[in-house]
Amino acid sequence: MKIRHILPAVLIVSMFLTGCQTSEISTFDRDTIELAKDQSLTYTIVTDFEESYYDVDELTQMADEEADQTGLGIRVQSAEVTAGVIRFTYEMDSASDYETFMDTSCYLGTISSAFDDNYRLKVTVNSVKDDSQIILSDVSRTDYDIFIWNEVIAVCCPGKIMYFSTNLELTDDYSVAPLSESTGPYYVVYK
């Protein structure tokens, strides 16, 4: 289900600046997905918020109601405004809930399960270990976790990143962000 009411109000102008360093909402300066070890995720929307006719509490209430109506494992975690920027965070039980709620596609699992689910993984990725490039399907550790997504959004992983697609930049040991003017799909592999 596409977010019909809250995102048009919250996503006035998206900001894409630098990567995430911690999981505190006030540190995010771009839209970010934080993956968790239990395969749940947190989605934070970061955008300008200078319209006086919107109230954060009203937006939060509206988002809560919309999330409840979906029947998915989605909850509004928080909303805060600092210096004309709103950071609005949803907790989601799974990548599947994110996929349905945002009307997009993504994949979260292991490299092995991605093969089982018919992902070909014939994409060039950068190796963090030796700064080389390899075809993702040739990676020997198929027990590593993989996240594949399409939106221009930063991703924070719960484990150290081992490989990332060439349309991403490594912002720290656990985070990647799409390169300027890049398009998805994006791939990140972590242990």
C-alpha atoms as a PDB file:
ATOM      1  CA  MET A   1       0.000   0.000   0.000  1.00  0.00           C
ATOM      2  CA  LYS A   2       1.396   3.390  -0.967  1.00  0.00           C
ATOM      3  CA  ILE A   3       1.501   5.870   1.886  1.00  0.00           C
ATOM      4  CA  ARG A   4      -1.285   8.189   0.764  1.00  0.00           C
ATOM      5  CA  HIS A   5      -1.600  10.885   3.389  1.00  0.00           C
ATOM      6  CA  ILE A   6       1.472  11.251   5.570  1.00  0.00           C
ATOM      7  CA  LEU A   7       4.250  11.182   2.977  1.00  0.00           C
ATOM      8  CA  PRO A   8       2.924  14.039   0.836  1.00  0.00           C
ATOM      9  CA  ALA A   9       2.880  16.188   3.952  1.00  0.00           C
ATOM     10  CA  VAL A  10       6.215  15.005   5.329  1.00  0.00           C
ATOM     11  CA  LEU A  11       8.122  14.704   2.066  1.00  0.00           C
ATOM     12  CA  ILE A  12       8.009  18.325   1.011  1.00  0.00           C
ATOM     13  CA  VAL A  13      11.615  18.356  -0.161  1.00  0.00           C
ATOM     14  CA  SER A  14      13.874  15.371   0.552  1.00  0.00           C
ATOM     15  CA  MET A  15      17.408  16.051   1.736  1.00  0.00           C
ATOM     16  CA  PHE A  16      20.307  13.837   0.694  1.00  0.00           C
ATOM     17  CA  LEU A  17      23.490  14.943   2.489  1.00  0.00           C
ATOM     18  CA  THR A  18      25.835  12.554   4.360  1.00  0.00           C
ATOM     19  CA  GLY A  19      25.664   9.034   5.811  1.00  0.00           C
ATOM     20  CA  CYS A  20      24.427   7.800   9.166  1.00  0.00           C
ATOM     21  CA  GLN A  21      26.789   7.193  12.027  1.00  0.00           C
ATOM     22  CA  THR A  22      24.488   6.132  14.873  1.00  0.00           C
ATOM     23  CA  SER A  23      20.936   5.007  15.363  1.00  0.00           C
ATOM     24  CA  GLU A  24      19.747   8.164  17.121  1.00  0.00           C
ATOM     25  CA  ILE A  25      17.072   9.827  15.029  1.00  0.00           C
ATOM     26  CA  SER A  26      18.565  13.310  15.381  1.00  0.00           C
ATOM     27  CA  THR A  27      21.775  12.227  13.628  1.00  0.00           C
ATOM     28  CA  PHE A  28      20.110  11.258  10.348  1.00  0.00           C
ATOM     29  CA  ASP A  29      20.391  13.888   7.652  1.00  0.00           C
ATOM     30  CA  ARG A  30      18.923  11.850   4.786  1.00  0.00           C
ATOM     31  CA  ASP A  31      16.266   9.192   4.340  1.00  0.00           C
ATOM     32  CA  THR A  32      17.661   6.054   5.967  1.00  0.00           C
ATOM     33  CA  ILE A  33      16.805   2.405   6.467  1.00  0.00           C
ATOM     34  CA  GLU A  34      18.369   0.763   9.516  1.00  0.00           C
ATOM     35  CA  LEU A  35      18.431  -3.018   9.271  1.00  0.00           C
ATOM     36  CA  ALA A  36      18.305  -5.115  12.453  1.00  0.00           C
ATOM     37  CA  LYS A  37      19.720  -8.573  13.134  1.00  0.00           C
ATOM     38  CA  ASP A  38      16.183  -9.972  13.514  1.00  0.00           C
ATOM     39  CA  GLN A  39      15.423  -8.774   9.933  1.00  0.00           C
ATOM     40  CA  SER A  40      13.147  -5.964  11.106  1.00  0.00           C
ATOM     41  CA  LEU A  41      13.976  -2.444  10.006  1.00  0.00           C
ATOM     42  CA  THR A  42      13.552   1.195  10.886  1.00  0.00           C
ATOM     43  CA  TYR A  43      12.752   3.715   8.171  1.00  0.00           C
ATOM     44  CA  THR A  44      13.517   7.385   8.841  1.00  0.00           C
ATOM     45  CA  ILE A  45      12.264  10.124   6.527  1.00  0.00           C
ATOM     46  CA  VAL A  46      14.275  13.360   6.683  1.00  0.00           C
ATOM     47  CA  THR A  47      12.939  16.460   4.967  1.00  0.00           C
ATOM     48  CA  ASP A  48      12.502  20.212   5.281  1.00  0.00           C
ATOM     49  CA  PHE A  49       9.637  21.157   7.571  1.00  0.00           C
ATOM     50  CA  GLU A  50       8.942  24.859   7.510  1.00  0.00           C
ATOM     51  CA  GLU A  51       5.272  24.850   6.624  1.00  0.00           C
ATOM     52  CA  SER A  52       3.395  26.512   9.479  1.00  0.00           C
ATOM     53  CA  TYR A  53       0.084  24.856   8.560  1.00  0.00           C
ATOM     54  CA  TYR A  54       1.418  21.374   9.514  1.00  0.00           C
ATOM     55  CA  ASP A  55       1.643  20.241  13.114  1.00  0.00           C
ATOM     56  CA  VAL A  56       4.029  17.395  14.040  1.00  0.00           C
ATOM     57  CA  ASP A  57       1.567  15.880  16.501  1.00  0.00           C
ATOM     58  CA  GLU A  58      -1.206  15.877  13.891  1.00  0.00           C
ATOM     59  CA  LEU A  59       1.108  14.280  11.301  1.00  0.00           C
ATOM     60  CA  THR A  60       2.151  11.642  13.831  1.00  0.00           C
ATOM     61  CA  GLN A  61      -1.458  10.848  14.687  1.00  0.00           C
ATOM     62  CA  MET A  62      -2.376  10.646  10.997  1.00  0.00           C
ATOM     63  CA  ALA A  63       0.598   8.325  10.316  1.00  0.00           C
ATOM     64  CA  ASP A  64      -0.332   6.134  13.302  1.00  0.00           C
ATOM     65  CA  GLU A  65      -3.876   5.746  11.990  1.00  0.00           C
ATOM     66  CA  GLU A  66      -2.664   4.966   8.481  1.00  0.00           C
ATOM     67  CA  ALA A  67      -0.148   2.379   9.733  1.00  0.00           C
ATOM     68  CA  ASP A  68      -2.852   0.711  11.870  1.00  0.00           C
ATOM     69  CA  GLN A  69      -5.187   0.475   8.866  1.00  0.00           C
ATOM     70  CA  THR A  70      -2.639  -1.468   6.803  1.00  0.00           C
ATOM     71  CA  GLY A  71      -2.708  -4.508   9.076  1.00  0.00           C
ATOM     72  CA  LEU A  72       1.071  -4.751   8.624  1.00  0.00           C
ATOM     73  CA  GLY A  73       3.750  -4.858  11.311  1.00  0.00           C
ATOM     74  CA  ILE A  74       4.357  -1.088  11.178  1.00  0.00           C
ATOM     75  CA  ARG A  75       4.485   1.470  13.969  1.00  0.00           C
ATOM     76  CA  VAL A  76       5.353   5.144  14.099  1.00  0.00           C
ATOM     77  CA  GLN A  77       8.397   5.318  16.367  1.00  0.00           C
ATOM     78  CA  SER A  78       9.003   9.055  16.581  1.00  0.00           C
ATOM     79  CA  ALA A  79       8.819  12.443  14.934  1.00  0.00           C
ATOM     80  CA  GLU A  80      10.937  15.445  15.785  1.00  0.00           C
ATOM     81  CA  VAL A  81      11.634  18.808  14.237  1.00  0.00           C
ATOM     82  CA  THR A  82      15.022  20.469  14.607  1.00  0.00           C
ATOM     83  CA  ALA A  83      16.096  23.622  12.775  1.00  0.00           C
ATOM     84  CA  GLY A  84      13.348  23.353  10.165  1.00  0.00           C
ATOM     85  CA  VAL A  85      13.983  19.656   9.429  1.00  0.00           C
ATOM     86  CA  ILE A  86      11.626  16.825  10.382  1.00  0.00           C
ATOM     87  CA  ARG A  87      12.854  13.304  11.115  1.00  0.00           C
ATOM     88  CA  PHE A  88       9.931  10.896  10.998  1.00  0.00           C
ATOM     89  CA  THR A  89      10.598   7.245  11.886  1.00  0.00           C
ATOM     90  CA  TYR A  90       8.640   4.056  11.287  1.00  0.00           C
ATOM     91  CA  GLU A  91       9.491   0.669  12.816  1.00  0.00           C
ATOM     92  CA  MET A  92       8.676  -2.271  10.533  1.00  0.00           C
ATOM     93  CA  ASP A  93       8.656  -5.954  11.413  1.00  0.00           C
ATOM     94  CA  SER A  94      10.117  -7.042   8.075  1.00  0.00           C
ATOM     95  CA  ALA A  95      11.403  -5.958   4.699  1.00  0.00           C
ATOM     96  CA  SER A  96       8.176  -7.399   3.312  1.00  0.00           C
ATOM     97  CA  ASP A  97       6.175  -4.887   5.401  1.00  0.00           C
ATOM     98  CA  TYR A  98       8.376  -2.067   4.076  1.00  0.00           C
ATOM     99  CA  GLU A  99       7.918  -3.343   0.527  1.00  0.00           C
ATOM    100  CA  THR A 100       4.122  -3.430   0.835  1.00  0.00           C
ATOM    101  CA  PHE A 101       3.765  -0.143   2.734  1.00  0.00           C
ATOM    102  CA  MET A 102       6.052   1.785   0.390  1.00  0.00           C
ATOM    103  CA  ASP A 103       4.854   0.041  -2.795  1.00  0.00           C
ATOM    104  CA  THR A 104       8.405  -0.849  -3.807  1.00  0.00           C
ATOM    105  CA  SER A 105      10.595  -3.922  -4.031  1.00  0.00           C
ATOM    106  CA  CYS A 106      13.475  -4.993  -1.818  1.00  0.00           C
ATOM    107  CA  TYR A 107      15.084  -8.175  -0.552  1.00  0.00           C
ATOM    108  CA  LEU A 108      16.583  -9.039   2.829  1.00  0.00           C
ATOM    109  CA  GLY A 109      18.127 -12.449   3.493  1.00  0.00           C
ATOM    110  CA  THR A 110      21.379 -14.303   2.921  1.00  0.00           C
ATOM    111  CA  ILE A 111      23.217 -14.651  -0.367  1.00  0.00           C
ATOM    112  CA  SER A 112      22.257 -18.330  -0.312  1.00  0.00           C
ATOM    113  CA  SER A 113      18.552 -17.570   0.187  1.00  0.00           C
ATOM    114  CA  ALA A 114      18.729 -14.949  -2.593  1.00  0.00           C
ATOM    115  CA  PHE A 115      19.972 -17.673  -4.964  1.00  0.00           C
ATOM    116  CA  ASP A 116      17.167 -19.950  -3.736  1.00  0.00           C
ATOM    117  CA  ASP A 117      14.689 -17.132  -4.468  1.00  0.00           C
ATOM    118  CA  ASN A 118      16.028 -16.888  -8.056  1.00  0.00           C
ATOM    119  CA  TYR A 119      18.138 -13.743  -7.715  1.00  0.00           C
ATOM    120  CA  ARG A 120      20.949 -14.032 -10.237  1.00  0.00           C
ATOM    121  CA  LEU A 121      23.322 -11.581  -8.471  1.00  0.00           C
ATOM    122  CA  LYS A 122      25.292 -10.898 -11.656  1.00  0.00           C
ATOM    123  CA  VAL A 123      26.291  -7.435 -10.474  1.00  0.00           C
ATOM    124  CA  THR A 124      29.729  -5.959  -9.865  1.00  0.00           C
ATOM    125  CA  VAL A 125      30.417  -5.149  -6.217  1.00  0.00           C
ATOM    126  CA  ASN A 126      33.289  -3.515  -4.369  1.00  0.00           C
ATOM    127  CA  SER A 127      35.107  -5.607  -1.776  1.00  0.00           C
ATOM    128  CA  VAL A 128      35.794  -3.710   1.438  1.00  0.00           C
ATOM    129  CA  LYS A 129      38.555  -6.124   2.448  1.00  0.00           C
ATOM    130  CA  ASP A 130      40.940  -5.588  -0.462  1.00  0.00           C
ATOM    131  CA  ASP A 131      39.360  -2.675  -2.361  1.00  0.00           C
ATOM    132  CA  SER A 132      38.844  -4.851  -5.447  1.00  0.00           C
ATOM    133  CA  GLN A 133      35.764  -5.614  -7.522  1.00  0.00           C
ATOM    134  CA  ILE A 134      34.027  -8.967  -7.933  1.00  0.00           C
ATOM    135  CA  ILE A 135      30.797 -10.305  -9.406  1.00  0.00           C
ATOM    136  CA  LEU A 136      28.412 -10.800  -6.469  1.00  0.00           C
ATOM    137  CA  SER A 137      27.432 -14.316  -7.572  1.00  0.00           C
ATOM    138  CA  ASP A 138      31.129 -15.300  -7.221  1.00  0.00           C
ATOM    139  CA  VAL A 139      31.327 -14.381  -3.515  1.00  0.00           C
ATOM    140  CA  SER A 140      32.304 -17.544  -1.626  1.00  0.00           C
ATOM    141  CA  ARG A 141      30.565 -16.711   1.690  1.00  0.00           C
ATOM    142  CA  THR A 142      26.914 -17.347   0.822  1.00  0.00           C
ATOM    143  CA  ASP A 143      25.986 -17.150   4.529  1.00  0.00           C
ATOM    144  CA  TYR A 144      26.545 -13.366   4.518  1.00  0.00           C
ATOM    145  CA  ASP A 145      23.420 -11.208   4.686  1.00  0.00           C
ATOM    146  CA  ILE A 146      22.301  -9.171   1.678  1.00  0.00           C
ATOM    147  CA  PHE A 147      19.923  -6.253   1.252  1.00  0.00           C
ATOM    148  CA  ILE A 148      18.740  -5.206  -2.214  1.00  0.00           C
ATOM    149  CA  TRP A 149      16.647  -2.051  -2.747  1.00  0.00           C
ATOM    150  CA  ASN A 150      15.715   0.481  -5.422  1.00  0.00           C
ATOM    151  CA  GLU A 151      15.175   3.866  -3.744  1.00  0.00           C
ATOM    152  CA  VAL A 152      17.807   6.567  -3.332  1.00  0.00           C
ATOM    153  CA  ILE A 153      18.094   5.974   0.402  1.00  0.00           C
ATOM    154  CA  ALA A 154      20.968   5.360   2.817  1.00  0.00           C
ATOM    155  CA  VAL A 155      21.208   1.979   4.574  1.00  0.00           C
ATOM    156  CA  CYS A 156      22.756   1.147   7.949  1.00  0.00           C
ATOM    157  CA  CYS A 157      23.584  -2.534   8.500  1.00  0.00           C
ATOM    158  CA  PRO A 158      23.724  -4.435  11.821  1.00  0.00           C
ATOM    159  CA  GLY A 159      27.011  -6.075  10.804  1.00  0.00           C
ATOM    160  CA  LYS A 160      30.189  -4.945   9.113  1.00  0.00           C
ATOM    161  CA  ILE A 161      29.817  -4.365   5.376  1.00  0.00           C
ATOM    162  CA  MET A 162      31.828  -6.749   3.213  1.00  0.00           C
ATOM    163  CA  TYR A 163      30.627  -5.837  -0.323  1.00  0.00           C
ATOM    164  CA  PHE A 164      28.563  -3.055  -1.888  1.00  0.00           C
ATOM    165  CA  SER A 165      27.440  -2.351  -5.453  1.00  0.00           C
ATOM    166  CA  THR A 166      29.351   0.179  -7.537  1.00  0.00           C
ATOM    167  CA  ASN A 167      26.413   2.628  -7.465  1.00  0.00           C
ATOM    168  CA  LEU A 168      26.893   3.049  -3.684  1.00  0.00           C
ATOM    169  CA  GLU A 169      29.493   4.707  -1.499  1.00  0.00           C
ATOM    170  CA  LEU A 170      30.687   3.337   1.815  1.00  0.00           C
ATOM    171  CA  THR A 171      30.052   6.047   4.433  1.00  0.00           C
ATOM    172  CA  ASP A 172      31.408   4.039   7.389  1.00  0.00           C
ATOM    173  CA  ASP A 173      31.985   0.357   8.267  1.00  0.00           C
ATOM    174  CA  TYR A 174      28.229  -0.227   8.640  1.00  0.00           C
ATOM    175  CA  SER A 175      26.608   2.273   6.243  1.00  0.00           C
ATOM    176  CA  VAL A 176      26.230   2.933   2.524  1.00  0.00           C
ATOM    177  CA  ALA A 177      24.529   5.649   0.498  1.00  0.00           C
ATOM    178  CA  PRO A 178      23.685   5.911  -3.207  1.00  0.00           C
ATOM    179  CA  LEU A 179      26.135   7.849  -5.331  1.00  0.00           C
ATOM    180  CA  SER A 180      24.902  11.147  -6.716  1.00  0.00           C
ATOM    181  CA  GLU A 181      22.602  10.679  -9.727  1.00  0.00           C
ATOM    182  CA  SER A 182      22.735   6.876  -9.405  1.00  0.00           C
ATOM    183  CA  THR A 183      19.809   4.526  -9.863  1.00  0.00           C
ATOM    184  CA  GLY A 184      18.978   1.182  -8.281  1.00  0.00           C
ATOM    185  CA  PRO A 185      18.957  -1.591  -7.700  1.00  0.00           C
ATOM    186  CA  TYR A 186      21.477  -1.225  -4.888  1.00  0.00           C
ATOM    187  CA  TYR A 187      23.207  -4.168  -3.172  1.00  0.00           C
ATOM    188  CA  VAL A 188      24.954  -4.362   0.197  1.00  0.00           C
ATOM    189  CA  VAL A 189      26.408  -7.521   1.766  1.00  0.00           C
ATOM    190  CA  TYR A 190      27.293  -7.643   5.444  1.00  0.00           C
ATOM    191  CA  LYS A 191      28.297 -10.199   8.057  1.00  0.00           C
END
